[in-house]
Amino acid sequence: MENSKTSRTRKKCSFCGRFENEVGFLITGVNGCICDSCAVQASEIVKETAKQMKPSSMGFEMHELPKPSEIKNFLDQYVIGQDDAKKYLSVAVYNHYKRLMQTTDNNDVEIEKSNIIMVGSTGTGKTLLARTIAKLLKVPFTIVDATVLTEAGYVGEDIESLLTRLLQVADYNVEEAERGIVFIDEIDKIARKGDNPSITRDVSGEGVQQGLLKLLEGSVVNVPPQGGRKHPDQKMIAVNTKNILFICGGAFDGIERKIAQRLNTNVVGYNSVKESVKIDKNNMMQYIAPQDLKSFGLIPEIIGRLPILTYLNPLDRNALRQILTEPKNSIIKQYIKLLEMDRVKLQFQPEVFEYIVDKAIEYKLGARGLRSIVETIMMDIMYDIPSQDISEYVVTLDYAKEQMSKANISRLKNV
């Protein structure tokens, strides 16, 4: 009698019926309990059900789509200048949404995708544009680096690894991934090494370009869900790339010389003067054409699959000055926020900004140069201020010059 009374008073899981001493622990509710293993199992069921009930990213209506002008306005908050590249990117993304919403009949016009290639020198904002637009999108988006890709059979990542990243972003939902956007950065690093087609295998050049062709055009690709060769026994996932938009970006360092040769701007003689006056030699990138990409080392087939070619302007003094302080996530605003968390109000003399811009132009590193210079100036401040009892700090021009000269001298000593 006593045993039955004890069993009635002992707590047990309301789901599986096991007693408290038979499970890891019990979570007690108002009218019942649940054990740890049942809780884990319930969590898995909820996740699986939520995934099935999750509405498609294309469940929105036409009026809900961000218009090209709205996409550009969003980019303007984070990226200074580069209006042409922003317009091309905004239109491409908008048309990508419309393609996905299209219901094709037998007699209907089928809209084909237009992959993009963006060309611009280092630090002009190619990757930043991609990262910024990813915040706005309602489709899976991933940024991958072409420098790690090698031809199949060599150490490095296979072409299919680009789609592995997209699958991961889409939580391995193949249908979602097939509507995504892939930004391939550093596309110029897989240019052909010589002028002639390779007779032997070009491990990370022409061979990679040949492998990319099927992805860009649209085909069914078997993708390893966990990446390349580390898991040879894994089951492949078939992904159709027909509706995946590819955006490529690269610095194409030295392509200005190819453009100049095509435009004959370096011809010596009186007859060439009249023609060359019309050409802005400080910004040769604006005259870029597909044949320049071919002479740089991209194969004609891959250029044909990237029909939209746009460029990013080199950053002038005014653009660098704006980049320093105006965007939502500018480097100066980031440091002000960091010290604000230590309850210190950080201020800069206006002359400091001009000095930073001067140094960035001298180093020729674009917007990335701004960050490295500001990091150098701010290093001692970020080290000392958190342990000091002050409420305000002003960075002066003399202090900035002192920090830069100190850093340069220490580097010279290391050399």
Protein backbone atom coordinates (compact mmCIF):
# COMPACT_ATOMS: atom_id res chain seq x y z
CA MET A 1 0.00 0.00 0.00
CA GLU A 2 2.84 2.33 0.90
CA ASN A 3 4.67 1.60 -2.39
CA SER A 4 1.62 2.48 -4.50
CA LYS A 5 1.18 5.72 -2.52
CA THR A 6 4.85 6.61 -3.11
CA SER A 7 4.57 5.96 -6.87
CA ARG A 8 1.55 8.28 -7.02
CA THR A 9 3.44 11.13 -5.34
CA ARG A 10 6.66 10.67 -7.38
CA LYS A 11 6.93 13.01 -10.34
CA LYS A 12 6.89 11.50 -13.80
CA CYS A 13 6.99 12.77 -17.38
CA SER A 14 3.50 13.45 -18.72
CA PHE A 15 4.62 12.39 -22.22
CA CYS A 16 6.65 9.19 -21.85
CA GLY A 17 5.56 8.24 -18.32
CA ARG A 18 9.08 7.70 -16.95
CA PHE A 19 9.74 8.64 -13.32
CA GLU A 20 12.15 11.33 -12.14
CA ASN A 21 14.92 8.85 -11.26
CA GLU A 22 14.73 7.30 -14.75
CA VAL A 23 15.48 10.48 -16.71
CA GLY A 24 18.14 13.20 -16.67
CA PHE A 25 15.82 15.83 -15.22
CA LEU A 26 12.17 16.89 -15.25
CA ILE A 27 10.79 20.32 -16.21
CA THR A 28 7.75 20.97 -14.04
CA GLY A 29 4.71 22.82 -15.39
CA VAL A 30 1.37 23.83 -13.85
CA ASN A 31 -0.40 20.48 -14.37
CA GLY A 32 2.37 18.20 -15.58
CA CYS A 33 6.05 17.57 -16.27
CA ILE A 34 8.27 16.88 -19.26
CA CYS A 35 11.63 15.10 -19.21
CA ASP A 36 14.78 16.32 -20.97
CA SER A 37 14.65 13.72 -23.80
CA CYS A 38 10.99 14.47 -24.58
CA ALA A 39 11.79 18.20 -24.59
CA VAL A 40 14.59 17.65 -27.14
CA GLN A 41 12.31 15.51 -29.29
CA ALA A 42 9.53 18.12 -29.10
CA SER A 43 12.01 20.81 -30.15
CA GLU A 44 12.99 18.79 -33.25
CA ILE A 45 9.32 18.30 -34.18
CA VAL A 46 8.65 22.04 -33.85
CA LYS A 47 11.69 22.90 -36.02
CA GLU A 48 10.69 20.43 -38.74
CA THR A 49 7.07 21.61 -38.74
CA ALA A 50 8.11 25.28 -38.82
CA LYS A 51 10.39 24.59 -41.78
CA GLN A 52 7.52 22.98 -43.71
CA MET A 53 5.12 25.79 -42.82
CA LYS A 54 7.67 28.53 -43.57
CA PRO A 55 6.29 30.71 -46.39
CA SER A 56 8.34 30.88 -49.58
CA SER A 57 10.52 33.95 -49.97
CA MET A 58 8.59 34.63 -53.16
CA GLY A 59 5.28 34.73 -51.32
CA PHE A 60 5.15 38.52 -51.63
CA GLU A 61 3.17 40.44 -54.22
CA MET A 62 4.43 42.69 -57.00
CA HIS A 63 3.62 45.85 -55.04
CA GLU A 64 5.80 44.59 -52.18
CA LEU A 65 8.94 44.33 -54.30
CA PRO A 66 11.60 46.97 -53.55
CA LYS A 67 11.74 49.14 -56.70
CA PRO A 68 15.15 49.86 -58.30
CA SER A 69 15.11 53.45 -56.99
CA GLU A 70 14.34 52.17 -53.46
CA ILE A 71 17.18 49.64 -53.66
CA LYS A 72 19.56 52.41 -54.78
CA ASN A 73 18.38 54.72 -51.98
CA PHE A 74 19.15 51.97 -49.48
CA LEU A 75 22.63 51.49 -50.96
CA ASP A 76 23.20 55.27 -50.80
CA GLN A 77 22.98 55.12 -46.99
CA TYR A 78 26.04 52.86 -46.81
CA VAL A 79 28.04 53.38 -50.02
CA ILE A 80 29.22 56.79 -51.23
CA GLY A 81 29.12 57.54 -54.98
CA GLN A 82 29.29 54.74 -57.60
CA ASP A 83 25.86 55.69 -58.99
CA ASP A 84 26.29 53.71 -62.22
CA ALA A 85 27.19 50.48 -60.43
CA LYS A 86 24.30 50.98 -57.98
CA LYS A 87 21.82 51.43 -60.83
CA TYR A 88 23.01 48.28 -62.62
CA LEU A 89 22.88 46.32 -59.38
CA SER A 90 19.44 47.65 -58.38
CA VAL A 91 17.90 46.85 -61.77
CA ALA A 92 19.47 43.38 -61.84
CA VAL A 93 18.12 42.49 -58.39
CA TYR A 94 14.66 43.89 -59.19
CA ASN A 95 14.51 41.93 -62.47
CA HIS A 96 15.68 38.83 -60.59
CA TYR A 97 12.66 39.11 -58.29
CA LYS A 98 10.34 39.55 -61.28
CA ARG A 99 11.83 36.48 -63.00
CA LEU A 100 11.11 34.41 -59.92
CA MET A 101 7.49 35.63 -59.80
CA GLN A 102 6.89 34.85 -63.47
CA THR A 103 4.55 31.96 -64.22
CA THR A 104 5.54 30.74 -67.67
CA ASP A 105 2.99 29.35 -70.10
CA ASN A 106 3.88 27.50 -73.29
CA ASN A 107 3.34 30.61 -75.40
CA ASP A 108 4.62 33.10 -72.84
CA VAL A 109 7.90 35.04 -73.07
CA GLU A 110 10.48 33.53 -70.76
CA ILE A 111 12.67 36.12 -69.05
CA GLU A 112 16.30 35.07 -68.93
CA LYS A 113 18.65 36.06 -66.12
CA SER A 114 21.37 38.66 -66.69
CA ASN A 115 24.47 37.95 -64.64
CA ILE A 116 26.62 40.97 -63.80
CA ILE A 117 30.35 41.67 -63.67
CA MET A 118 31.60 44.72 -61.73
CA VAL A 119 35.10 46.04 -62.42
CA GLY A 120 36.87 48.54 -60.16
CA SER A 121 40.21 49.09 -58.47
CA THR A 122 40.79 48.00 -54.88
CA GLY A 123 38.90 49.85 -52.16
CA THR A 124 36.19 51.31 -54.41
CA GLY A 125 33.34 49.38 -52.77
CA LYS A 126 32.60 46.23 -54.80
CA THR A 127 32.35 43.88 -51.82
CA LEU A 128 30.67 46.57 -49.70
CA LEU A 129 27.92 46.93 -52.33
CA ALA A 130 27.35 43.18 -52.20
CA ARG A 131 27.30 43.03 -48.39
CA THR A 132 24.94 46.01 -48.18
CA ILE A 133 22.43 44.72 -50.71
CA ALA A 134 22.35 41.40 -48.84
CA LYS A 135 20.70 43.22 -45.90
CA LEU A 136 17.78 44.21 -48.11
CA LEU A 137 17.14 40.99 -50.01
CA LYS A 138 14.37 38.48 -49.40
CA VAL A 139 16.22 35.66 -51.17
CA PRO A 140 19.29 33.67 -50.00
CA PHE A 141 22.50 35.60 -50.69
CA THR A 142 26.13 34.57 -50.25
CA ILE A 143 29.55 36.06 -50.99
CA VAL A 144 32.24 33.64 -52.13
CA ASP A 145 35.89 34.15 -53.06
CA ALA A 146 37.20 32.95 -56.42
CA THR A 147 40.82 32.84 -55.17
CA VAL A 148 40.29 29.56 -53.30
CA LEU A 149 38.91 27.73 -56.34
CA THR A 150 41.02 25.21 -58.24
CA GLU A 151 40.40 22.83 -61.10
CA ALA A 152 38.86 19.50 -60.05
CA GLY A 153 41.49 17.08 -58.78
CA TYR A 154 43.77 19.69 -57.20
CA VAL A 155 44.08 20.85 -53.58
CA GLY A 156 41.64 23.70 -53.01
CA GLU A 157 37.88 24.15 -53.32
CA ASP A 158 35.87 22.79 -56.23
CA ILE A 159 33.50 24.99 -58.22
CA GLU A 160 30.49 23.30 -56.57
CA SER A 161 31.55 24.71 -53.18
CA LEU A 162 30.05 28.05 -54.29
CA LEU A 163 26.62 26.45 -54.13
CA THR A 164 27.42 24.71 -50.82
CA ARG A 165 27.60 28.17 -49.20
CA LEU A 166 24.27 29.14 -50.78
CA LEU A 167 22.67 25.93 -49.48
CA GLN A 168 23.96 26.69 -45.98
CA VAL A 169 22.44 30.20 -46.09
CA ALA A 170 19.12 28.70 -47.27
CA ASP A 171 19.22 26.20 -44.38
CA TYR A 172 19.60 23.38 -46.93
CA ASN A 173 16.24 24.21 -48.49
CA VAL A 174 17.04 23.43 -52.14
CA GLU A 175 14.00 25.28 -53.49
CA GLU A 176 15.06 28.47 -51.68
CA ALA A 177 18.70 28.11 -52.74
CA GLU A 178 17.69 27.79 -56.39
CA ARG A 179 16.25 31.32 -56.19
CA GLY A 180 19.30 32.85 -54.54
CA ILE A 181 22.03 35.29 -55.51
CA VAL A 182 25.77 34.49 -55.44
CA PHE A 183 28.42 37.23 -55.40
CA ILE A 184 31.74 35.88 -56.68
CA ASP A 185 34.51 38.18 -55.46
CA GLU A 186 38.04 38.43 -56.94
CA ILE A 187 36.91 37.02 -60.30
CA ASP A 188 40.02 38.56 -61.92
CA LYS A 189 42.27 36.20 -59.93
CA ILE A 190 41.18 33.27 -62.13
CA ALA A 191 42.23 35.01 -65.35
CA ARG A 192 44.23 33.01 -67.86
CA LYS A 193 47.92 33.33 -67.12
CA GLY A 194 49.07 33.54 -70.76
CA ASP A 195 47.68 35.08 -73.94
CA ASN A 196 47.21 31.71 -75.62
CA PRO A 197 44.73 29.01 -74.59
CA SER A 198 46.36 26.59 -72.18
CA ILE A 199 47.62 23.29 -73.64
CA THR A 200 48.40 21.91 -70.17
CA ARG A 201 46.10 22.35 -67.18
CA ASP A 202 45.88 25.85 -65.74
CA VAL A 203 45.12 24.84 -62.13
CA SER A 204 43.50 28.01 -60.81
CA GLY A 205 42.97 29.95 -64.05
CA GLU A 206 41.36 28.79 -67.28
CA GLY A 207 40.29 25.45 -65.78
CA VAL A 208 38.24 27.23 -63.09
CA GLN A 209 36.65 29.47 -65.70
CA GLN A 210 35.61 26.41 -67.73
CA GLY A 211 34.09 24.90 -64.58
CA LEU A 212 32.14 28.10 -63.85
CA LEU A 213 30.46 28.05 -67.27
CA LYS A 214 27.83 25.45 -66.36
CA LEU A 215 26.97 27.29 -63.14
CA LEU A 216 26.54 30.69 -64.81
CA GLU A 217 24.53 29.36 -67.74
CA GLY A 218 22.16 27.21 -65.73
CA SER A 219 22.37 23.49 -65.21
CA VAL A 220 21.73 20.82 -62.59
CA VAL A 221 24.82 20.51 -60.41
CA ASN A 222 25.52 17.87 -57.76
CA VAL A 223 26.56 19.81 -54.67
CA PRO A 224 28.37 18.28 -51.66
CA PRO A 225 26.34 19.57 -48.66
CA GLN A 226 29.36 19.63 -46.32
CA GLY A 227 31.93 20.94 -48.79
CA GLY A 228 34.56 19.27 -50.99
CA ARG A 229 36.71 16.21 -50.46
CA LYS A 230 36.74 16.00 -46.67
CA HIS A 231 33.53 13.91 -46.69
CA PRO A 232 33.74 11.66 -49.76
CA ASP A 233 30.84 9.44 -48.62
CA GLN A 234 28.30 12.26 -48.31
CA LYS A 235 25.14 12.20 -50.39
CA MET A 236 25.12 14.86 -53.11
CA ILE A 237 22.30 17.39 -53.43
CA ALA A 238 21.10 18.29 -56.94
CA VAL A 239 20.77 22.07 -57.41
CA ASN A 240 19.46 23.72 -60.58
CA THR A 241 21.34 27.00 -61.21
CA LYS A 242 18.92 28.25 -63.89
CA ASN A 243 17.35 30.84 -61.56
CA ILE A 244 20.43 31.68 -59.47
CA LEU A 245 21.72 35.20 -60.21
CA PHE A 246 25.51 35.51 -60.29
CA ILE A 247 27.22 38.85 -59.61
CA CYS A 248 30.99 38.92 -60.14
CA GLY A 249 33.45 41.54 -58.95
CA GLY A 250 37.15 42.07 -59.47
CA ALA A 251 39.87 44.73 -59.37
CA PHE A 252 41.42 43.71 -62.72
CA ASP A 253 44.64 45.48 -61.76
CA GLY A 254 46.39 46.79 -64.88
CA ILE A 255 43.37 46.57 -67.19
CA GLU A 256 43.62 50.32 -67.77
CA ARG A 257 46.63 49.61 -70.00
CA LYS A 258 44.51 47.22 -72.09
CA ILE A 259 41.81 49.90 -72.41
CA ALA A 260 44.41 52.53 -73.38
CA GLN A 261 45.83 50.25 -76.06
CA ARG A 262 42.38 49.72 -77.51
CA LEU A 263 41.63 53.45 -77.52
CA ASN A 264 45.09 54.27 -78.93
CA THR A 265 45.67 56.91 -76.29
CA ASN A 266 49.37 56.11 -76.07
CA VAL A 267 50.12 56.78 -79.76
CA VAL A 268 52.86 59.32 -80.38
CA GLY A 269 52.22 61.90 -83.11
CA TYR A 270 50.15 64.93 -84.02
CA ASN A 271 47.21 63.02 -85.50
CA SER A 272 46.44 61.29 -82.20
CA VAL A 273 46.13 64.49 -80.15
CA LYS A 274 42.67 65.41 -81.43
CA GLU A 275 41.23 61.98 -80.54
CA SER A 276 42.89 61.61 -77.14
CA VAL A 277 41.66 65.00 -75.86
CA LYS A 278 38.14 63.58 -75.47
CA ILE A 279 39.32 60.74 -73.24
CA ASP A 280 39.65 61.14 -69.46
CA LYS A 281 42.96 59.41 -68.78
CA ASN A 282 42.47 59.64 -65.00
CA ASN A 283 39.46 57.32 -65.17
CA MET A 284 40.07 54.81 -67.94
CA MET A 285 37.76 52.30 -66.25
CA GLN A 286 34.66 54.08 -67.57
CA TYR A 287 35.60 53.02 -71.12
CA ILE A 288 35.82 49.32 -70.29
CA ALA A 289 34.40 46.89 -72.85
CA PRO A 290 34.08 43.08 -73.03
CA GLN A 291 37.14 42.82 -75.31
CA ASP A 292 39.27 44.34 -72.52
CA LEU A 293 38.22 41.50 -70.18
CA LYS A 294 39.18 39.03 -72.92
CA SER A 295 42.64 40.57 -73.35
CA PHE A 296 43.05 40.50 -69.54
CA GLY A 297 42.54 36.74 -69.45
CA LEU A 298 38.84 35.89 -69.15
CA ILE A 299 37.72 33.36 -71.75
CA PRO A 300 35.07 34.55 -74.28
CA GLU A 301 32.52 31.95 -73.10
CA ILE A 302 32.49 33.30 -69.54
CA ILE A 303 32.29 36.93 -70.74
CA GLY A 304 29.24 35.96 -72.81
CA ARG A 305 27.55 34.57 -69.68
CA LEU A 306 28.13 37.87 -67.83
CA PRO A 307 26.23 40.19 -70.20
CA ILE A 308 25.97 43.19 -67.88
CA LEU A 309 29.34 44.92 -67.49
CA THR A 310 29.61 47.87 -65.11
CA TYR A 311 32.49 49.73 -63.49
CA LEU A 312 33.27 51.53 -60.25
CA ASN A 313 34.91 54.93 -60.38
CA PRO A 314 38.21 55.51 -58.58
CA LEU A 315 37.59 57.45 -55.37
CA ASP A 316 38.54 61.12 -55.50
CA ARG A 317 39.25 63.36 -52.52
CA ASN A 318 35.63 64.40 -51.97
CA ALA A 319 34.39 60.80 -52.05
CA LEU A 320 37.04 59.69 -49.53
CA ARG A 321 36.12 62.58 -47.24
CA GLN A 322 32.43 61.57 -47.36
CA ILE A 323 33.22 57.87 -46.84
CA LEU A 324 35.10 58.74 -43.67
CA THR A 325 32.11 60.24 -41.83
CA GLU A 326 28.80 60.06 -43.73
CA PRO A 327 27.71 56.41 -44.22
CA LYS A 328 25.70 54.71 -41.48
CA ASN A 329 28.61 52.43 -40.64
CA SER A 330 31.51 54.82 -41.33
CA ILE A 331 34.78 54.09 -39.52
CA ILE A 332 34.56 57.34 -37.49
CA LYS A 333 31.01 56.54 -36.32
CA GLN A 334 32.20 53.07 -35.32
CA TYR A 335 34.93 54.51 -33.05
CA ILE A 336 32.54 57.08 -31.57
CA LYS A 337 30.16 54.21 -30.74
CA LEU A 338 32.97 52.07 -29.25
CA LEU A 339 34.03 54.82 -26.83
CA GLU A 340 30.41 55.73 -26.13
CA MET A 341 30.11 52.23 -24.64
CA ASP A 342 32.92 53.28 -22.24
CA ARG A 343 30.91 56.48 -21.50
CA VAL A 344 33.45 58.66 -23.29
CA LYS A 345 32.41 61.25 -25.88
CA LEU A 346 34.89 61.12 -28.76
CA GLN A 347 35.39 64.12 -31.04
CA PHE A 348 37.71 64.89 -33.95
CA GLN A 349 39.07 68.21 -35.14
CA PRO A 350 37.95 68.79 -38.77
CA GLU A 351 41.62 69.09 -39.81
CA VAL A 352 42.16 65.46 -38.74
CA PHE A 353 39.74 64.25 -41.41
CA GLU A 354 41.59 66.20 -44.11
CA TYR A 355 44.89 64.72 -42.91
CA ILE A 356 43.50 61.16 -43.02
CA VAL A 357 42.22 61.71 -46.58
CA ASP A 358 45.64 63.09 -47.66
CA LYS A 359 47.35 59.97 -46.32
CA ALA A 360 44.79 57.66 -47.99
CA ILE A 361 45.45 59.32 -51.38
CA GLU A 362 49.18 58.98 -50.76
CA TYR A 363 48.88 55.24 -50.02
CA LYS A 364 46.51 54.62 -53.00
CA LEU A 365 44.48 52.00 -51.14
CA GLY A 366 41.02 53.53 -51.61
CA ALA A 367 38.50 53.28 -48.78
CA ARG A 368 40.47 50.43 -47.14
CA GLY A 369 43.35 52.87 -46.71
CA LEU A 370 41.11 55.11 -44.61
CA ARG A 371 40.46 52.33 -42.15
CA SER A 372 44.13 51.39 -41.70
CA ILE A 373 45.08 55.05 -41.11
CA VAL A 374 42.29 55.61 -38.57
CA GLU A 375 43.24 52.35 -36.81
CA THR A 376 46.85 53.57 -36.52
CA ILE A 377 45.79 56.95 -35.10
CA MET A 378 43.28 55.45 -32.65
CA MET A 379 45.33 52.51 -31.33
CA ASP A 380 46.85 54.26 -28.26
CA ILE A 381 43.54 55.99 -27.49
CA MET A 382 41.65 52.69 -27.55
CA TYR A 383 44.33 51.18 -25.28
CA ASP A 384 44.46 53.97 -22.66
CA ILE A 385 40.98 55.55 -22.52
CA PRO A 386 38.96 52.60 -21.09
CA SER A 387 41.10 52.59 -17.91
CA GLN A 388 40.99 56.40 -17.45
CA ASP A 389 38.26 58.34 -15.68
CA ILE A 390 37.39 60.89 -18.39
CA SER A 391 34.10 61.77 -20.08
CA GLU A 392 35.36 63.42 -23.28
CA TYR A 393 38.34 63.17 -25.63
CA VAL A 394 39.24 65.29 -28.67
CA VAL A 395 41.58 63.94 -31.36
CA THR A 396 43.76 66.81 -32.59
CA LEU A 397 45.75 67.16 -35.81
CA ASP A 398 49.07 67.22 -33.92
CA TYR A 399 48.16 63.97 -32.15
CA ALA A 400 47.21 62.31 -35.46
CA LYS A 401 50.50 63.34 -37.09
CA GLU A 402 52.45 62.15 -34.05
CA GLN A 403 50.76 58.73 -34.14
CA MET A 404 51.37 58.30 -37.88
CA SER A 405 55.04 59.29 -37.64
CA LYS A 406 55.51 56.98 -34.64
CA ALA A 407 53.99 54.07 -36.59
CA ASN A 408 56.12 54.77 -39.68
CA ILE A 409 59.33 55.00 -37.64
CA SER A 410 58.59 51.68 -35.86
CA ARG A 411 58.00 50.00 -39.24
CA LEU A 412 61.27 51.36 -40.58
CA LYS A 413 63.07 49.97 -37.52
CA ASN A 414 61.53 46.54 -38.19
CA VAL A 415 62.78 46.67 -41.77
